[in-house]
Amino acid sequence: MSLLTRTTEAFWGLLDPWMFLGISVSCLPGTVLSLIQERRFGVLLSPSAFSDAWFSRFWGRFAGPGIRANAGEIVIPLLQGRASGGRVLDEQVAPGIEGTVIEVGAGSGLWVDMYKSVAEVCADPDAEIESEGAVKRRNVGSGGSGGKKGVITRIYGVEPNADQHPSLRKAISAAGLEGVYQIVPVGIEDLDDPTKWDGRVEKGSVDCIVTILCLCSIPEPEKNIQELYKYLKKGGRWYLYEHVRCEHSWYMRLYQRFLNLFWPHFLGGCLLCRQTEKTLREAGPWEKIDVAQPPIEPWYQAIPHILGVFTK
């Protein structure tokens, strides 16, 4: 590859985040017009509510589907147990997703359809155990490293942004997951509080947690990640694909920090410089950690990612 080609690729790679911001800005007039037409004037007057509505329009109609198409080539193998060292592999080398699942940041349901492609989905009533009003579910999967799919019996989609719920419900219906996938309309801190929503998740009862490009925007990440850790049972797995703070070089760290001055204001509070892997490592003791940056990401990746699994 010639120097000119490498320089051109780096230039467009460094410019790409700004073009992404531009797409978000282009959604701003449509968001305002839509809210006026729907007579939702209270949202227009509330900075946080307006930010949610703006981001929902941007992500659901424009950015989300493209990211789903590209990241799906990484995320689906991850959930099938075909990822290690940040690489996607041809063969299954680890357990796939199964049992009771918490999906954090379910959003508009971009990832809902993937569950049936990575596991068997069956709301098995025999897998339920009632305990003081809470539902525990035993691990009914067989998602070991022998190539067999696991069995998902329940999915809790955590999404406190109500503007995302209509699209999320449509995605659940289209995927045929009614009765298996339940929208949790509250934050992580209220998962086990039945007074805040129509359900309860008991700590220590969850087989798998899935976080895909969402930990960048959760409030109080240290507190909430520690809280999520408590929901995993012993041997439970946390599958993640997240963008993180750049660690490549001082000039890329500086560039990312400059970009981050603008990014959260146009991307629903998303923060680029979070040390998500460090926060997860410190959430509690882990039996195994297989997480790394995908080696295919170049040095000029202003928004680098980590991919892998934490096993409790």
Protein backbone atom coordinates (compact mmCIF):
# COMPACT_ATOMS: atom_id res chain seq x y z
CA MET A 1 0.00 0.00 0.00
CA SER A 2 1.47 3.36 -1.01
CA LEU A 3 2.09 6.26 1.34
CA LEU A 4 -0.60 8.29 -0.43
CA THR A 5 -3.17 5.53 0.06
CA ARG A 6 -2.31 5.12 3.75
CA THR A 7 -2.45 8.89 4.28
CA THR A 8 -5.83 9.16 2.54
CA GLU A 9 -7.27 6.33 4.62
CA ALA A 10 -6.02 7.91 7.84
CA PHE A 11 -7.44 11.31 6.84
CA TRP A 12 -10.92 9.94 6.19
CA GLY A 13 -10.71 7.76 9.29
CA LEU A 14 -9.99 10.79 11.45
CA LEU A 15 -12.73 12.79 9.73
CA ASP A 16 -15.36 10.05 10.04
CA PRO A 17 -16.53 10.94 13.60
CA TRP A 18 -17.24 14.51 12.50
CA MET A 19 -19.36 13.29 9.60
CA PHE A 20 -21.25 11.12 12.07
CA LEU A 21 -21.92 14.22 14.19
CA GLY A 22 -23.14 15.97 11.07
CA ILE A 23 -25.77 13.28 10.52
CA SER A 24 -27.00 13.85 14.07
CA VAL A 25 -27.24 17.62 13.47
CA SER A 26 -29.27 16.97 10.31
CA CYS A 27 -31.89 15.21 12.47
CA LEU A 28 -32.40 18.23 14.70
CA PRO A 29 -34.94 20.18 12.54
CA GLY A 30 -37.01 17.06 11.93
CA THR A 31 -37.11 16.33 15.65
CA VAL A 32 -38.35 19.84 16.46
CA LEU A 33 -40.99 19.72 13.70
CA SER A 34 -42.20 16.29 14.80
CA LEU A 35 -42.60 17.39 18.42
CA ILE A 36 -44.53 20.49 17.35
CA GLN A 37 -46.84 18.43 15.14
CA GLU A 38 -47.45 16.00 18.01
CA ARG A 39 -48.00 18.97 20.37
CA ARG A 40 -45.34 17.65 22.75
CA PHE A 41 -44.33 21.13 23.87
CA GLY A 42 -43.20 19.91 27.27
CA VAL A 43 -40.46 17.86 25.58
CA LEU A 44 -39.30 20.92 23.66
CA LEU A 45 -38.92 22.80 26.93
CA SER A 46 -37.05 20.01 28.74
CA PRO A 47 -33.37 19.70 27.72
CA SER A 48 -33.08 16.07 28.87
CA ALA A 49 -36.39 14.97 27.29
CA PHE A 50 -35.56 16.78 24.06
CA SER A 51 -32.12 15.16 23.96
CA ASP A 52 -33.78 11.74 24.30
CA ALA A 53 -36.23 12.48 21.49
CA TRP A 54 -33.48 13.84 19.23
CA PHE A 55 -31.24 10.84 19.83
CA SER A 56 -34.12 8.41 19.31
CA ARG A 57 -34.83 9.90 15.89
CA PHE A 58 -31.15 9.94 14.91
CA TRP A 59 -30.38 6.43 16.12
CA GLY A 60 -33.57 4.70 15.12
CA ARG A 61 -33.91 6.15 11.62
CA PHE A 62 -30.36 6.86 10.51
CA ALA A 63 -27.32 5.72 12.49
CA GLY A 64 -28.63 2.59 14.18
CA PRO A 65 -29.44 0.43 11.14
CA GLY A 66 -26.02 1.08 9.60
CA ILE A 67 -24.21 0.28 12.82
CA ARG A 68 -26.35 -2.85 13.22
CA ALA A 69 -25.34 -4.06 9.77
CA ASN A 70 -21.63 -3.49 10.33
CA ALA A 71 -21.31 -4.46 13.99
CA GLY A 72 -23.54 -7.48 13.52
CA GLU A 73 -20.61 -9.24 11.84
CA ILE A 74 -18.80 -9.01 15.17
CA VAL A 75 -21.59 -9.18 17.74
CA ILE A 76 -23.34 -12.30 16.46
CA PRO A 77 -20.16 -14.43 16.54
CA LEU A 78 -19.43 -13.03 20.00
CA LEU A 79 -22.77 -14.25 21.32
CA GLN A 80 -22.24 -17.60 19.63
CA GLY A 81 -18.96 -18.12 21.50
CA ARG A 82 -16.87 -17.54 18.36
CA ALA A 83 -14.68 -14.70 19.60
CA SER A 84 -11.40 -14.64 21.49
CA GLY A 85 -8.61 -12.10 21.85
CA GLY A 86 -10.76 -9.51 20.10
CA ARG A 87 -10.94 -11.70 16.99
CA VAL A 88 -13.92 -13.39 15.35
CA LEU A 89 -13.24 -17.09 14.85
CA ASP A 90 -14.67 -19.72 12.52
CA GLU A 91 -15.25 -22.27 15.28
CA GLN A 92 -17.01 -22.00 18.64
CA VAL A 93 -14.42 -21.85 21.42
CA ALA A 94 -16.55 -20.70 24.37
CA PRO A 95 -20.14 -20.96 25.62
CA GLY A 96 -22.74 -19.04 23.70
CA ILE A 97 -25.51 -16.95 25.19
CA GLU A 98 -28.27 -18.82 27.07
CA GLY A 99 -30.69 -18.85 29.99
CA THR A 100 -31.90 -15.59 31.48
CA VAL A 101 -30.44 -12.56 29.70
CA ILE A 102 -30.26 -8.87 30.55
CA GLU A 103 -29.76 -6.64 27.52
CA VAL A 104 -28.68 -3.19 28.68
CA GLY A 105 -29.64 -0.27 26.47
CA ALA A 106 -32.13 -2.12 24.31
CA GLY A 107 -32.92 1.12 22.47
CA SER A 108 -35.18 0.80 19.44
CA GLY A 109 -34.60 -2.95 19.24
CA LEU A 110 -31.80 -3.06 16.69
CA TRP A 111 -30.41 -6.26 18.18
CA VAL A 112 -33.64 -8.03 19.08
CA ASP A 113 -33.74 -10.21 15.98
CA MET A 114 -30.25 -11.63 16.60
CA TYR A 115 -31.29 -13.71 19.62
CA LYS A 116 -32.99 -16.36 17.51
CA SER A 117 -29.94 -16.57 15.26
CA VAL A 118 -27.51 -17.23 18.11
CA ALA A 119 -29.63 -19.44 20.40
CA GLU A 120 -32.84 -21.40 20.71
CA VAL A 121 -35.53 -19.24 22.30
CA CYS A 122 -38.11 -20.96 24.47
CA ALA A 123 -40.11 -19.54 27.37
CA ASP A 124 -39.95 -22.83 29.28
CA PRO A 125 -42.40 -22.70 32.20
CA ASP A 126 -40.54 -25.58 33.84
CA ALA A 127 -37.53 -23.31 34.09
CA GLU A 128 -39.32 -20.89 36.40
CA ILE A 129 -39.12 -20.89 40.16
CA GLU A 130 -41.20 -18.46 42.14
CA SER A 131 -39.40 -16.92 45.10
CA GLU A 132 -41.21 -14.24 47.12
CA GLY A 133 -42.76 -12.73 44.01
CA ALA A 134 -39.53 -12.75 42.00
CA VAL A 135 -38.84 -15.05 39.13
CA LYS A 136 -35.69 -17.12 39.11
CA ARG A 137 -34.82 -19.13 36.05
CA ARG A 138 -32.45 -22.03 35.97
CA ASN A 139 -29.93 -22.32 33.17
CA VAL A 140 -31.62 -24.57 30.64
CA GLY A 141 -29.10 -23.97 27.88
CA SER A 142 -26.50 -26.21 26.37
CA GLY A 143 -24.40 -23.45 24.93
CA GLY A 144 -21.05 -24.98 25.62
CA SER A 145 -18.13 -24.98 23.21
CA GLY A 146 -19.32 -28.08 21.36
CA GLY A 147 -21.09 -26.12 18.63
CA LYS A 148 -24.62 -26.44 20.02
CA LYS A 149 -26.88 -23.46 20.55
CA GLY A 150 -27.89 -22.54 24.06
CA VAL A 151 -31.51 -21.99 25.06
CA ILE A 152 -32.68 -18.51 26.01
CA THR A 153 -35.68 -18.57 28.34
CA ARG A 154 -36.03 -14.88 29.20
CA ILE A 155 -34.67 -11.54 27.99
CA TYR A 156 -34.96 -8.36 30.02
CA GLY A 157 -34.40 -5.36 27.74
CA VAL A 158 -33.40 -2.41 29.93
CA GLU A 159 -34.46 0.83 28.24
CA PRO A 160 -35.57 3.79 30.38
CA ASN A 161 -36.01 6.08 27.35
CA ALA A 162 -39.75 5.82 26.66
CA ASP A 163 -39.33 7.34 23.18
CA GLN A 164 -37.63 4.10 22.15
CA HIS A 165 -40.39 1.78 23.38
CA PRO A 166 -42.75 1.87 20.36
CA SER A 167 -39.93 0.83 18.00
CA LEU A 168 -38.69 -1.72 20.52
CA ARG A 169 -42.14 -3.32 20.80
CA LYS A 170 -42.36 -3.57 17.01
CA ALA A 171 -38.95 -5.25 16.89
CA ILE A 172 -39.98 -7.74 19.58
CA SER A 173 -43.15 -8.59 17.68
CA ALA A 174 -41.33 -8.89 14.35
CA ALA A 175 -38.81 -11.27 15.92
CA GLY A 176 -41.57 -13.38 17.46
CA LEU A 177 -40.25 -12.87 20.97
CA GLU A 178 -43.44 -11.90 22.76
CA GLY A 179 -43.58 -13.74 26.07
CA VAL A 180 -39.79 -14.05 26.15
CA TYR A 181 -38.55 -10.48 25.74
CA GLN A 182 -39.75 -8.02 28.40
CA ILE A 183 -39.09 -4.29 28.24
CA VAL A 184 -37.72 -2.95 31.51
CA PRO A 185 -38.62 0.78 31.48
CA VAL A 186 -36.38 1.77 34.40
CA GLY A 187 -32.70 2.25 35.08
CA ILE A 188 -30.25 -0.39 36.28
CA GLU A 189 -30.67 0.74 39.87
CA ASP A 190 -34.35 -0.32 39.87
CA LEU A 191 -34.17 -3.76 38.24
CA ASP A 192 -35.08 -5.51 41.49
CA ASP A 193 -37.70 -2.98 42.59
CA PRO A 194 -41.24 -4.15 41.62
CA THR A 195 -42.70 -0.83 42.78
CA LYS A 196 -40.92 0.93 39.89
CA TRP A 197 -41.98 -1.40 37.06
CA ASP A 198 -44.14 -4.40 36.29
CA GLY A 199 -41.59 -7.05 37.24
CA ARG A 200 -38.46 -7.81 39.16
CA VAL A 201 -35.07 -9.35 38.44
CA GLU A 202 -33.49 -11.07 41.41
CA LYS A 203 -29.79 -10.61 42.04
CA GLY A 204 -27.69 -13.69 41.37
CA SER A 205 -30.29 -15.12 38.95
CA VAL A 206 -29.00 -13.99 35.55
CA ASP A 207 -27.03 -16.22 33.18
CA CYS A 208 -25.86 -13.60 30.70
CA ILE A 209 -25.59 -9.83 30.35
CA VAL A 210 -25.28 -8.22 26.92
CA THR A 211 -24.01 -4.67 26.43
CA ILE A 212 -23.57 -3.39 22.90
CA LEU A 213 -22.43 0.21 22.47
CA CYS A 214 -24.38 1.41 25.50
CA LEU A 215 -22.05 1.67 28.51
CA CYS A 216 -20.74 4.92 27.06
CA SER A 217 -23.92 6.70 28.11
CA ILE A 218 -25.17 5.05 31.29
CA PRO A 219 -25.11 7.35 34.34
CA GLU A 220 -22.61 6.65 37.13
CA PRO A 221 -20.87 3.82 35.25
CA GLU A 222 -18.83 2.53 38.20
CA LYS A 223 -21.90 2.26 40.41
CA ASN A 224 -24.18 0.78 37.75
CA ILE A 225 -21.66 -1.73 36.42
CA GLN A 226 -21.04 -2.95 39.96
CA GLU A 227 -24.81 -3.23 40.37
CA LEU A 228 -25.16 -5.28 37.18
CA TYR A 229 -22.35 -7.57 38.33
CA LYS A 230 -24.51 -8.58 41.31
CA TYR A 231 -27.24 -9.91 39.01
CA LEU A 232 -24.95 -12.46 37.39
CA LYS A 233 -24.95 -15.90 38.93
CA LYS A 234 -21.67 -17.70 39.55
CA GLY A 235 -20.37 -18.73 36.14
CA GLY A 236 -22.55 -16.11 34.43
CA ARG A 237 -21.11 -14.30 31.44
CA TRP A 238 -21.03 -10.65 30.40
CA TYR A 239 -20.79 -10.25 26.62
CA LEU A 240 -19.72 -6.82 25.47
CA TYR A 241 -18.86 -4.79 22.41
CA GLU A 242 -18.19 -1.22 23.51
CA HIS A 243 -16.20 1.79 22.40
CA VAL A 244 -13.65 2.98 24.94
CA ARG A 245 -10.94 5.50 25.67
CA CYS A 246 -8.17 5.59 23.08
CA GLU A 247 -4.90 4.15 24.39
CA HIS A 248 -2.87 4.01 21.16
CA SER A 249 -0.74 7.15 21.51
CA TRP A 250 -0.71 10.54 23.20
CA TYR A 251 -1.79 12.33 20.02
CA MET A 252 -4.77 10.00 19.46
CA ARG A 253 -5.79 10.36 23.13
CA LEU A 254 -5.60 14.14 22.71
CA TYR A 255 -7.65 14.01 19.49
CA GLN A 256 -10.29 11.84 21.13
CA ARG A 257 -10.55 14.20 24.10
CA PHE A 258 -11.04 17.14 21.73
CA LEU A 259 -13.74 15.23 19.87
CA ASN A 260 -15.38 14.40 23.19
CA LEU A 261 -15.92 18.11 23.88
CA PHE A 262 -18.69 18.00 21.26
CA TRP A 263 -19.70 14.35 21.02
CA PRO A 264 -22.00 13.92 24.06
CA HIS A 265 -24.02 17.02 23.20
CA PHE A 266 -24.97 15.61 19.79
CA LEU A 267 -25.10 11.89 20.62
CA GLY A 268 -27.48 11.57 23.55
CA GLY A 269 -24.85 11.93 26.28
CA CYS A 270 -22.47 9.34 24.83
CA LEU A 271 -18.95 9.79 26.27
CA LEU A 272 -15.91 8.69 24.29
CA CYS A 273 -13.23 8.57 26.97
CA ARG A 274 -14.65 6.05 29.43
CA GLN A 275 -12.33 3.29 30.64
CA THR A 276 -15.04 0.66 30.44
CA GLU A 277 -12.76 -2.36 30.55
CA LYS A 278 -11.06 -1.08 33.71
CA THR A 279 -14.44 -0.39 35.33
CA LEU A 280 -15.65 -3.90 34.52
CA ARG A 281 -12.48 -5.52 35.82
CA GLU A 282 -12.93 -3.68 39.11
CA ALA A 283 -16.64 -4.51 39.44
CA GLY A 284 -15.88 -7.76 41.26
CA PRO A 285 -13.90 -11.00 41.00
CA TRP A 286 -13.95 -12.70 37.61
CA GLU A 287 -13.11 -16.32 36.88
CA LYS A 288 -12.06 -15.52 33.31
CA ILE A 289 -11.62 -12.42 31.16
CA ASP A 290 -11.24 -12.67 27.39
CA VAL A 291 -11.52 -9.09 26.15
CA ALA A 292 -9.41 -7.13 23.67
CA GLN A 293 -9.52 -4.47 20.98
CA PRO A 294 -10.20 -6.02 17.56
CA PRO A 295 -6.81 -6.13 15.81
CA ILE A 296 -8.41 -4.98 12.56
CA GLU A 297 -8.90 -1.48 14.01
CA PRO A 298 -6.17 0.88 12.73
CA TRP A 299 -4.02 3.30 14.72
CA TYR A 300 -6.16 6.26 13.63
CA GLN A 301 -9.35 4.76 15.10
CA ALA A 302 -10.60 7.74 17.12
CA ILE A 303 -13.36 5.60 18.61
CA PRO A 304 -11.72 2.24 19.42
CA HIS A 305 -13.68 -0.76 20.72
CA ILE A 306 -13.29 -3.73 22.99
CA LEU A 307 -14.86 -7.10 22.32
CA GLY A 308 -15.18 -10.16 24.51
CA VAL A 309 -16.57 -11.91 27.55
CA PHE A 310 -16.19 -11.54 31.32
CA THR A 311 -17.03 -14.75 33.20
CA LYS A 312 -17.97 -14.47 36.87
